[in-house]
Structure formats: C-alpha cells, structure tokens
Protein backbone atom coordinates (compact mmCIF):
# COMPACT_ATOMS: atom_id res chain seq x y z
CA MET A 1 10.90 -49.76 -10.51
CA LEU A 2 9.97 -50.54 -13.98
CA SER A 3 9.13 -46.86 -14.86
CA ASN A 4 12.59 -45.91 -13.74
CA LEU A 5 14.06 -48.81 -16.28
CA ILE A 6 11.99 -47.56 -19.09
CA GLY A 7 13.05 -44.14 -18.59
CA GLY A 8 16.88 -45.10 -18.54
CA PHE A 9 16.26 -46.90 -21.89
CA ILE A 10 14.61 -43.64 -23.38
CA VAL A 11 17.42 -41.63 -21.83
CA ILE A 12 19.82 -43.77 -23.94
CA LEU A 13 17.86 -43.81 -26.88
CA VAL A 14 17.48 -40.16 -27.05
CA GLY A 15 20.84 -39.58 -26.43
CA VAL A 16 22.53 -41.90 -28.99
CA THR A 17 20.03 -40.44 -31.36
CA LEU A 18 21.30 -36.99 -30.65
CA ALA A 19 25.13 -37.52 -30.22
CA PRO A 20 25.80 -37.11 -34.09
CA VAL A 21 23.96 -33.69 -34.01
CA VAL A 22 26.21 -32.45 -31.09
CA ALA A 23 29.51 -33.86 -32.89
CA ASN A 24 28.34 -32.18 -35.81
CA GLU A 25 27.68 -28.89 -34.18
CA VAL A 26 30.91 -28.84 -31.98
CA GLN A 27 32.94 -29.29 -35.35
CA GLY A 28 30.87 -26.18 -36.89
CA ALA A 29 31.65 -24.50 -33.73
CA ARG A 30 35.60 -25.23 -34.24
CA GLY A 31 35.40 -24.00 -37.85
CA ASN A 32 36.32 -27.45 -39.41
CA SER A 33 32.72 -27.47 -41.42
CA THR A 34 33.49 -28.11 -45.16
CA HIS A 35 32.51 -24.45 -45.94
CA THR A 36 35.59 -22.51 -43.83
CA GLY A 37 38.08 -25.34 -44.23
CA THR A 38 40.37 -23.80 -41.65
CA GLY A 39 39.86 -23.99 -37.74
CA ASN A 40 39.70 -20.75 -36.03
CA ILE A 41 39.62 -21.98 -32.34
CA THR A 42 43.12 -23.21 -31.25
CA GLY A 43 44.66 -23.73 -27.77
CA ALA A 44 42.92 -24.90 -24.72
CA SER A 45 39.53 -23.61 -25.57
CA GLY A 46 39.89 -26.02 -28.76
CA THR A 47 40.54 -28.69 -26.60
CA ILE A 48 37.88 -28.23 -24.41
CA LEU A 49 35.42 -27.96 -27.06
CA GLY A 50 36.34 -31.09 -28.70
CA LEU A 51 35.93 -32.91 -25.42
CA THR A 52 32.37 -31.56 -25.50
CA VAL A 53 30.92 -34.76 -27.40
CA LEU A 54 32.70 -36.75 -24.52
CA PHE A 55 31.02 -35.05 -21.72
CA TYR A 56 27.63 -35.17 -23.73
CA THR A 57 27.95 -38.90 -23.99
CA LEU A 58 29.20 -39.57 -20.48
CA GLY A 59 26.29 -37.21 -19.29
CA VAL A 60 24.00 -39.53 -21.02
CA ALA A 61 25.41 -42.79 -19.71
CA VAL A 62 25.69 -41.19 -15.91
CA VAL A 63 21.80 -40.42 -16.13
CA ALA A 64 20.71 -43.46 -17.39
CA MET A 65 22.70 -45.47 -14.86
CA GLY A 66 21.25 -43.45 -12.17
CA LEU A 67 17.86 -44.06 -13.18
CA ALA A 68 18.37 -47.75 -13.70
CA VAL A 69 19.84 -48.10 -10.19
CA SER A 70 17.29 -46.13 -8.44
CA GLY A 71 14.43 -48.26 -10.13
CA LEU A 72 16.46 -51.19 -8.93
CA ARG A 73 16.69 -49.87 -5.40
CA GLN A 74 12.96 -49.56 -5.50
CA GLY A 75 12.46 -52.83 -6.73
CA GLY A 76 14.61 -54.07 -3.68
CA LEU A 77 17.12 -55.76 -5.79
CA MET A 78 19.95 -53.68 -4.94
C-alpha cells in the first residue's frame, strides 16, 4: 500500500519536473524557437502538436492517480 502511494508521488514529481522540457521541445518542433522565428507546422498537425503537453500532463496525472487508488484498494480504504 505505502509503496504504491510513494510511487504515485514519485511519478508526479518526475512528471512535473519534465513538463517544461516537454513544452520546450514541442515549441521547438513547431518552429517557434528563438532562432527560427516563424512556424513551419500549421493546420491540424500544429493543433495536435500543441496539445502534446496537455496529453503528457494528463497521462502523468492518470498514472499517479491509478497508483494511489491501487494502493488504497490494497489497504482496504477504498
């Protein structure tokens, strides 16, 4: 039980730490970095690429919540 709760906190810690890196890489992939100045991906591709950070953070949250619920179930609290 406790290991799953600690694992959930570690997932959140690592996910939050890496979120700015993911956001910077997405901006670089879109062509909005400082050295290019103009975007080279438009339309649906640009929209989906822009949502990558949202999907990443939602994935981190879902995994952390899944670990926490699993730990609480094993402990008989849920």
